[in-house]
Amino acid sequence: MSGYWRDLYEKMREDLQSPAFRQFGSYSIAGRSFSYRSLDDFRALLDWVKREADKEDGIAPYRARRVARNGGRG
């Protein structure tokens, strides 16, 4: 069963593919409202919603690893 965030993410993706997509709008989930005013705002919101959906589904977020080196000593 998918959660709130996954449902919102899927709806946003469907809206983006729709020919009637608007460059401004808003979404509501669990009493919270999110709005966007440009395509860049929408993409940033979509990325954030995807991260929340992944957390909700138990998918660990990607984190780049740092390689420990000797620091230039010998």
PDB file of N, CA and C in Angstrom:
ATOM      1  N   MET A   1       0.845  -1.181   0.000  1.00  0.00           N
ATOM      2  CA  MET A   1       0.000   0.000   0.000  1.00  0.00           C
ATOM      3  C   MET A   1       0.888   1.242   0.000  1.00  0.00           C
ATOM      4  N   SER A   2       0.613   2.136  -0.884  1.00  0.00           N
ATOM      5  CA  SER A   2       1.421   3.342  -0.945  1.00  0.00           C
ATOM      6  C   SER A   2       0.901   4.366   0.053  1.00  0.00           C
ATOM      7  N   GLY A   3       1.801   5.257   0.444  1.00  0.00           N
ATOM      8  CA  GLY A   3       1.454   6.264   1.431  1.00  0.00           C
ATOM      9  C   GLY A   3       1.080   7.591   0.787  1.00  0.00           C
ATOM     10  N   TYR A   4       0.880   8.569   1.640  1.00  0.00           N
ATOM     11  CA  TYR A   4       0.488   9.904   1.181  1.00  0.00           C
ATOM     12  C   TYR A   4       1.490  10.488   0.189  1.00  0.00           C
ATOM     13  N   TRP A   5       2.775  10.425   0.558  1.00  0.00           N
ATOM     14  CA  TRP A   5       3.801  11.062  -0.261  1.00  0.00           C
ATOM     15  C   TRP A   5       3.948  10.376  -1.610  1.00  0.00           C
ATOM     16  N   ARG A   6       3.871   9.045  -1.619  1.00  0.00           N
ATOM     17  CA  ARG A   6       3.999   8.320  -2.895  1.00  0.00           C
ATOM     18  C   ARG A   6       2.819   8.656  -3.805  1.00  0.00           C
ATOM     19  N   ASP A   7       1.620   8.732  -3.248  1.00  0.00           N
ATOM     20  CA  ASP A   7       0.447   9.098  -4.049  1.00  0.00           C
ATOM     21  C   ASP A   7       0.595  10.503  -4.632  1.00  0.00           C
ATOM     22  N   LEU A   8       1.090  11.437  -3.802  1.00  0.00           N
ATOM     23  CA  LEU A   8       1.287  12.808  -4.279  1.00  0.00           C
ATOM     24  C   LEU A   8       2.350  12.838  -5.370  1.00  0.00           C
ATOM     25  N   TYR A   9       3.421  12.091  -5.195  1.00  0.00           N
ATOM     26  CA  TYR A   9       4.486  12.040  -6.190  1.00  0.00           C
ATOM     27  C   TYR A   9       3.954  11.527  -7.533  1.00  0.00           C
ATOM     28  N   GLU A  10       3.191  10.457  -7.494  1.00  0.00           N
ATOM     29  CA  GLU A  10       2.625   9.902  -8.728  1.00  0.00           C
ATOM     30  C   GLU A  10       1.661  10.891  -9.388  1.00  0.00           C
ATOM     31  N   LYS A  11       0.851  11.585  -8.587  1.00  0.00           N
ATOM     32  CA  LYS A  11      -0.080  12.584  -9.133  1.00  0.00           C
ATOM     33  C   LYS A  11       0.681  13.726  -9.789  1.00  0.00           C
ATOM     34  N   MET A  12       1.752  14.182  -9.152  1.00  0.00           N
ATOM     35  CA  MET A  12       2.546  15.272  -9.713  1.00  0.00           C
ATOM     36  C   MET A  12       3.194  14.856 -11.029  1.00  0.00           C
ATOM     37  N   ARG A  13       3.682  13.633 -11.105  1.00  0.00           N
ATOM     38  CA  ARG A  13       4.280  13.142 -12.356  1.00  0.00           C
ATOM     39  C   ARG A  13       3.243  13.062 -13.468  1.00  0.00           C
ATOM     40  N   GLU A  14       2.056  12.591 -13.127  1.00  0.00           N
ATOM     41  CA  GLU A  14       0.973  12.547 -14.128  1.00  0.00           C
ATOM     42  C   GLU A  14       0.609  13.952 -14.596  1.00  0.00           C
ATOM     43  N   ASP A  15       0.547  14.894 -13.658  1.00  0.00           N
ATOM     44  CA  ASP A  15       0.221  16.274 -14.014  1.00  0.00           C
ATOM     45  C   ASP A  15       1.283  16.881 -14.919  1.00  0.00           C
ATOM     46  N   LEU A  16       2.540  16.572 -14.661  1.00  0.00           N
ATOM     47  CA  LEU A  16       3.638  17.110 -15.467  1.00  0.00           C
ATOM     48  C   LEU A  16       3.546  16.598 -16.901  1.00  0.00           C
ATOM     49  N   GLN A  17       3.111  15.367 -17.087  1.00  0.00           N
ATOM     50  CA  GLN A  17       2.994  14.786 -18.422  1.00  0.00           C
ATOM     51  C   GLN A  17       1.733  15.231 -19.147  1.00  0.00           C
ATOM     52  N   SER A  18       0.804  15.806 -18.433  1.00  0.00           N
ATOM     53  CA  SER A  18      -0.459  16.247 -19.022  1.00  0.00           C
ATOM     54  C   SER A  18      -0.237  17.460 -19.920  1.00  0.00           C
ATOM     55  N   PRO A  19      -0.913  17.509 -21.060  1.00  0.00           N
ATOM     56  CA  PRO A  19      -0.786  18.690 -21.923  1.00  0.00           C
ATOM     57  C   PRO A  19      -1.401  19.945 -21.296  1.00  0.00           C
ATOM     58  N   ALA A  20      -2.222  19.784 -20.282  1.00  0.00           N
ATOM     59  CA  ALA A  20      -2.856  20.929 -19.614  1.00  0.00           C
ATOM     60  C   ALA A  20      -2.040  21.401 -18.405  1.00  0.00           C
ATOM     61  N   PHE A  21      -0.774  20.979 -18.306  1.00  0.00           N
ATOM     62  CA  PHE A  21       0.075  21.371 -17.160  1.00  0.00           C
ATOM     63  C   PHE A  21       0.233  22.887 -17.129  1.00  0.00           C
ATOM     64  N   ARG A  22       0.069  23.451 -15.935  1.00  0.00           N
ATOM     65  CA  ARG A  22       0.206  24.895 -15.756  1.00  0.00           C
ATOM     66  C   ARG A  22       1.518  25.205 -15.048  1.00  0.00           C
ATOM     67  N   GLN A  23       2.063  26.357 -15.328  1.00  0.00           N
ATOM     68  CA  GLN A  23       3.331  26.762 -14.736  1.00  0.00           C
ATOM     69  C   GLN A  23       3.164  27.267 -13.300  1.00  0.00           C
ATOM     70  N   PHE A  24       1.965  27.233 -12.778  1.00  0.00           N
ATOM     71  CA  PHE A  24       1.719  27.633 -11.387  1.00  0.00           C
ATOM     72  C   PHE A  24       0.587  26.775 -10.850  1.00  0.00           C
ATOM     73  N   GLY A  25       0.574  26.563  -9.568  1.00  0.00           N
ATOM     74  CA  GLY A  25      -0.488  25.769  -8.966  1.00  0.00           C
ATOM     75  C   GLY A  25      -0.133  25.365  -7.553  1.00  0.00           C
ATOM     76  N   SER A  26      -0.907  24.437  -6.999  1.00  0.00           N
ATOM     77  CA  SER A  26      -0.642  23.986  -5.631  1.00  0.00           C
ATOM     78  C   SER A  26      -1.174  22.570  -5.448  1.00  0.00           C
ATOM     79  N   TYR A  27      -0.647  21.914  -4.430  1.00  0.00           N
ATOM     80  CA  TYR A  27      -1.075  20.576  -4.034  1.00  0.00           C
ATOM     81  C   TYR A  27      -1.291  20.580  -2.528  1.00  0.00           C
ATOM     82  N   SER A  28      -2.179  19.718  -2.056  1.00  0.00           N
ATOM     83  CA  SER A  28      -2.435  19.584  -0.626  1.00  0.00           C
ATOM     84  C   SER A  28      -2.305  18.125  -0.233  1.00  0.00           C
ATOM     85  N   ILE A  29      -1.739  17.904   0.948  1.00  0.00           N
ATOM     86  CA  ILE A  29      -1.598  16.552   1.479  1.00  0.00           C
ATOM     87  C   ILE A  29      -1.625  16.629   2.993  1.00  0.00           C
ATOM     88  N   ALA A  30      -2.449  15.835   3.592  1.00  0.00           N
ATOM     89  CA  ALA A  30      -2.530  15.709   5.055  1.00  0.00           C
ATOM     90  C   ALA A  30      -2.569  17.066   5.752  1.00  0.00           C
ATOM     91  N   GLY A  31      -3.379  17.981   5.241  1.00  0.00           N
ATOM     92  CA  GLY A  31      -3.530  19.276   5.876  1.00  0.00           C
ATOM     93  C   GLY A  31      -2.450  20.289   5.538  1.00  0.00           C
ATOM     94  N   ARG A  32      -1.477  19.920   4.715  1.00  0.00           N
ATOM     95  CA  ARG A  32      -0.412  20.843   4.306  1.00  0.00           C
ATOM     96  C   ARG A  32      -0.617  21.214   2.852  1.00  0.00           C
ATOM     97  N   SER A  33      -0.273  22.432   2.506  1.00  0.00           N
ATOM     98  CA  SER A  33      -0.423  22.904   1.135  1.00  0.00           C
ATOM     99  C   SER A  33       0.943  23.321   0.590  1.00  0.00           C
ATOM    100  N   PHE A  34       1.215  22.946  -0.656  1.00  0.00           N
ATOM    101  CA  PHE A  34       2.468  23.277  -1.317  1.00  0.00           C
ATOM    102  C   PHE A  34       2.138  23.946  -2.637  1.00  0.00           C
ATOM    103  N   SER A  35       2.768  25.089  -2.904  1.00  0.00           N
ATOM    104  CA  SER A  35       2.491  25.785  -4.151  1.00  0.00           C
ATOM    105  C   SER A  35       3.791  26.018  -4.915  1.00  0.00           C
ATOM    106  N   TYR A  36       3.658  26.225  -6.218  1.00  0.00           N
ATOM    107  CA  TYR A  36       4.804  26.514  -7.064  1.00  0.00           C
ATOM    108  C   TYR A  36       4.400  27.601  -8.053  1.00  0.00           C
ATOM    109  N   ARG A  37       5.378  28.380  -8.504  1.00  0.00           N
ATOM    110  CA  ARG A  37       5.095  29.501  -9.397  1.00  0.00           C
ATOM    111  C   ARG A  37       5.872  29.419 -10.713  1.00  0.00           C
ATOM    112  N   SER A  38       6.714  28.414 -10.846  1.00  0.00           N
ATOM    113  CA  SER A  38       7.469  28.254 -12.089  1.00  0.00           C
ATOM    114  C   SER A  38       7.804  26.782 -12.263  1.00  0.00           C
ATOM    115  N   LEU A  39       8.305  26.438 -13.424  1.00  0.00           N
ATOM    116  CA  LEU A  39       8.691  25.060 -13.687  1.00  0.00           C
ATOM    117  C   LEU A  39       9.849  24.646 -12.778  1.00  0.00           C
ATOM    118  N   ASP A  40      10.771  25.563 -12.502  1.00  0.00           N
ATOM    119  CA  ASP A  40      11.875  25.252 -11.589  1.00  0.00           C
ATOM    120  C   ASP A  40      11.367  24.974 -10.181  1.00  0.00           C
ATOM    121  N   ASP A  41      10.404  25.771  -9.719  1.00  0.00           N
ATOM    122  CA  ASP A  41       9.794  25.525  -8.407  1.00  0.00           C
ATOM    123  C   ASP A  41       9.111  24.161  -8.386  1.00  0.00           C
ATOM    124  N   PHE A  42       8.413  23.826  -9.479  1.00  0.00           N
ATOM    125  CA  PHE A  42       7.728  22.540  -9.551  1.00  0.00           C
ATOM    126  C   PHE A  42       8.732  21.395  -9.481  1.00  0.00           C
ATOM    127  N   ARG A  43       9.815  21.504 -10.228  1.00  0.00           N
ATOM    128  CA  ARG A  43      10.828  20.440 -10.216  1.00  0.00           C
ATOM    129  C   ARG A  43      11.454  20.279  -8.839  1.00  0.00           C
ATOM    130  N   ALA A  44      11.742  21.385  -8.169  1.00  0.00           N
ATOM    131  CA  ALA A  44      12.303  21.318  -6.821  1.00  0.00           C
ATOM    132  C   ALA A  44      11.302  20.664  -5.862  1.00  0.00           C
ATOM    133  N   LEU A  45      10.040  21.027  -5.980  1.00  0.00           N
ATOM    134  CA  LEU A  45       8.996  20.431  -5.146  1.00  0.00           C
ATOM    135  C   LEU A  45       8.860  18.944  -5.446  1.00  0.00           C
ATOM    136  N   LEU A  46       8.918  18.574  -6.726  1.00  0.00           N
ATOM    137  CA  LEU A  46       8.825  17.168  -7.116  1.00  0.00           C
ATOM    138  C   LEU A  46       9.985  16.358  -6.539  1.00  0.00           C
ATOM    139  N   ASP A  47      11.202  16.906  -6.565  1.00  0.00           N
ATOM    140  CA  ASP A  47      12.359  16.216  -5.982  1.00  0.00           C
ATOM    141  C   ASP A  47      12.179  16.031  -4.479  1.00  0.00           C
ATOM    142  N   TRP A  48      11.686  17.078  -3.807  1.00  0.00           N
ATOM    143  CA  TRP A  48      11.485  16.989  -2.360  1.00  0.00           C
ATOM    144  C   TRP A  48      10.415  15.960  -2.017  1.00  0.00           C
ATOM    145  N   VAL A  49       9.321  15.959  -2.773  1.00  0.00           N
ATOM    146  CA  VAL A  49       8.239  14.995  -2.536  1.00  0.00           C
ATOM    147  C   VAL A  49       8.744  13.579  -2.785  1.00  0.00           C
ATOM    148  N   LYS A  50       9.596  13.394  -3.796  1.00  0.00           N
ATOM    149  CA  LYS A  50      10.158  12.063  -4.058  1.00  0.00           C
ATOM    150  C   LYS A  50      11.013  11.592  -2.886  1.00  0.00           C
ATOM    151  N   ARG A  51      11.831  12.481  -2.330  1.00  0.00           N
ATOM    152  CA  ARG A  51      12.642  12.108  -1.155  1.00  0.00           C
ATOM    153  C   ARG A  51      11.748  11.711   0.014  1.00  0.00           C
ATOM    154  N   GLU A  52      10.661  12.471   0.236  1.00  0.00           N
ATOM    155  CA  GLU A  52       9.731  12.128   1.314  1.00  0.00           C
ATOM    156  C   GLU A  52       9.053  10.783   1.048  1.00  0.00           C
ATOM    157  N   ALA A  53       8.696  10.534  -0.209  1.00  0.00           N
ATOM    158  CA  ALA A  53       8.057   9.259  -0.570  1.00  0.00           C
ATOM    159  C   ALA A  53       9.032   8.094  -0.363  1.00  0.00           C
ATOM    160  N   ASP A  54      10.287   8.307  -0.719  1.00  0.00           N
ATOM    161  CA  ASP A  54      11.292   7.257  -0.518  1.00  0.00           C
ATOM    162  C   ASP A  54      11.493   6.968   0.962  1.00  0.00           C
ATOM    163  N   LYS A  55      11.515   8.014   1.782  1.00  0.00           N
ATOM    164  CA  LYS A  55      11.627   7.814   3.240  1.00  0.00           C
ATOM    165  C   LYS A  55      10.434   7.030   3.759  1.00  0.00           C
ATOM    166  N   GLU A  56       9.265   7.383   3.283  1.00  0.00           N
ATOM    167  CA  GLU A  56       8.037   6.725   3.703  1.00  0.00           C
ATOM    168  C   GLU A  56       8.051   5.243   3.310  1.00  0.00           C
ATOM    169  N   ASP A  57       8.636   4.947   2.151  1.00  0.00           N
ATOM    170  CA  ASP A  57       8.705   3.565   1.670  1.00  0.00           C
ATOM    171  C   ASP A  57       9.887   2.797   2.245  1.00  0.00           C
ATOM    172  N   GLY A  58      10.738   3.476   3.009  1.00  0.00           N
ATOM    173  CA  GLY A  58      11.883   2.809   3.620  1.00  0.00           C
ATOM    174  C   GLY A  58      13.096   2.733   2.717  1.00  0.00           C
ATOM    175  N   ILE A  59      13.137   3.550   1.675  1.00  0.00           N
ATOM    176  CA  ILE A  59      14.285   3.577   0.770  1.00  0.00           C
ATOM    177  C   ILE A  59      15.259   4.622   1.304  1.00  0.00           C
ATOM    178  N   ALA A  60      16.484   4.197   1.570  1.00  0.00           N
ATOM    179  CA  ALA A  60      17.483   5.107   2.128  1.00  0.00           C
ATOM    180  C   ALA A  60      17.895   6.132   1.078  1.00  0.00           C
ATOM    181  N   PRO A  61      18.028   7.394   1.477  1.00  0.00           N
ATOM    182  CA  PRO A  61      18.457   8.416   0.518  1.00  0.00           C
ATOM    183  C   PRO A  61      19.910   8.193   0.106  1.00  0.00           C
ATOM    184  N   TYR A  62      20.241   8.579  -1.129  1.00  0.00           N
ATOM    185  CA  TYR A  62      21.612   8.435  -1.625  1.00  0.00           C
ATOM    186  C   TYR A  62      22.506   9.451  -0.941  1.00  0.00           C
ATOM    187  N   ARG A  63      23.616   8.983  -0.459  1.00  0.00           N
ATOM    188  CA  ARG A  63      24.625   9.868   0.124  1.00  0.00           C
ATOM    189  C   ARG A  63      25.964   9.467  -0.466  1.00  0.00           C
ATOM    190  N   ALA A  64      26.659  10.427  -1.029  1.00  0.00           N
ATOM    191  CA  ALA A  64      27.974  10.143  -1.607  1.00  0.00           C
ATOM    192  C   ALA A  64      28.948   9.779  -0.486  1.00  0.00           C
ATOM    193  N   ARG A  65      29.800   8.826  -0.772  1.00  0.00           N
ATOM    194  CA  ARG A  65      30.793   8.427   0.226  1.00  0.00           C
ATOM    195  C   ARG A  65      32.044   9.266   0.086  1.00  0.00           C
ATOM    196  N   ARG A  66      32.672   9.479   1.200  1.00  0.00           N
ATOM    197  CA  ARG A  66      33.965  10.183   1.194  1.00  0.00           C
ATOM    198  C   ARG A  66      35.051   9.142   1.411  1.00  0.00           C
ATOM    199  N   VAL A  67      36.095   9.288   0.669  1.00  0.00           N
ATOM    200  CA  VAL A  67      37.198   8.349   0.779  1.00  0.00           C
ATOM    201  C   VAL A  67      38.231   8.946   1.707  1.00  0.00           C
ATOM    202  N   ALA A  68      38.587   8.192   2.720  1.00  0.00           N
ATOM    203  CA  ALA A  68      39.619   8.654   3.658  1.00  0.00           C
ATOM    204  C   ALA A  68      40.992   8.423   3.039  1.00  0.00           C
ATOM    205  N   ARG A  69      41.799   9.434   3.056  1.00  0.00           N
ATOM    206  CA  ARG A  69      43.161   9.332   2.527  1.00  0.00           C
ATOM    207  C   ARG A  69      44.127   9.702   3.645  1.00  0.00           C
ATOM    208  N   ASN A  70      45.385   9.536   3.363  1.00  0.00           N
ATOM    209  CA  ASN A  70      46.373   9.790   4.410  1.00  0.00           C
ATOM    210  C   ASN A  70      46.647  11.274   4.629  1.00  0.00           C
ATOM    211  N   GLY A  71      45.993  12.152   3.887  1.00  0.00           N
ATOM    212  CA  GLY A  71      46.145  13.588   4.120  1.00  0.00           C
ATOM    213  C   GLY A  71      47.451  14.153   3.628  1.00  0.00           C
ATOM    214  N   GLY A  72      48.154  13.436   2.752  1.00  0.00           N
ATOM    215  CA  GLY A  72      49.403  13.923   2.193  1.00  0.00           C
ATOM    216  C   GLY A  72      50.621  13.633   3.046  1.00  0.00           C
ATOM    217  N   ARG A  73      50.406  12.878   4.098  1.00  0.00           N
ATOM    218  CA  ARG A  73      51.549  12.556   4.961  1.00  0.00           C
ATOM    219  C   ARG A  73      52.118  11.198   4.549  1.00  0.00           C
ATOM    220  N   GLY A  74      53.238  11.209   3.982  1.00  0.00           N
ATOM    221  CA  GLY A  74      54.021  10.015   3.662  1.00  0.00           C
ATOM    222  C   GLY A  74      53.367   9.062   2.839  1.00  0.00           C
TER     223      GLY A  74
END
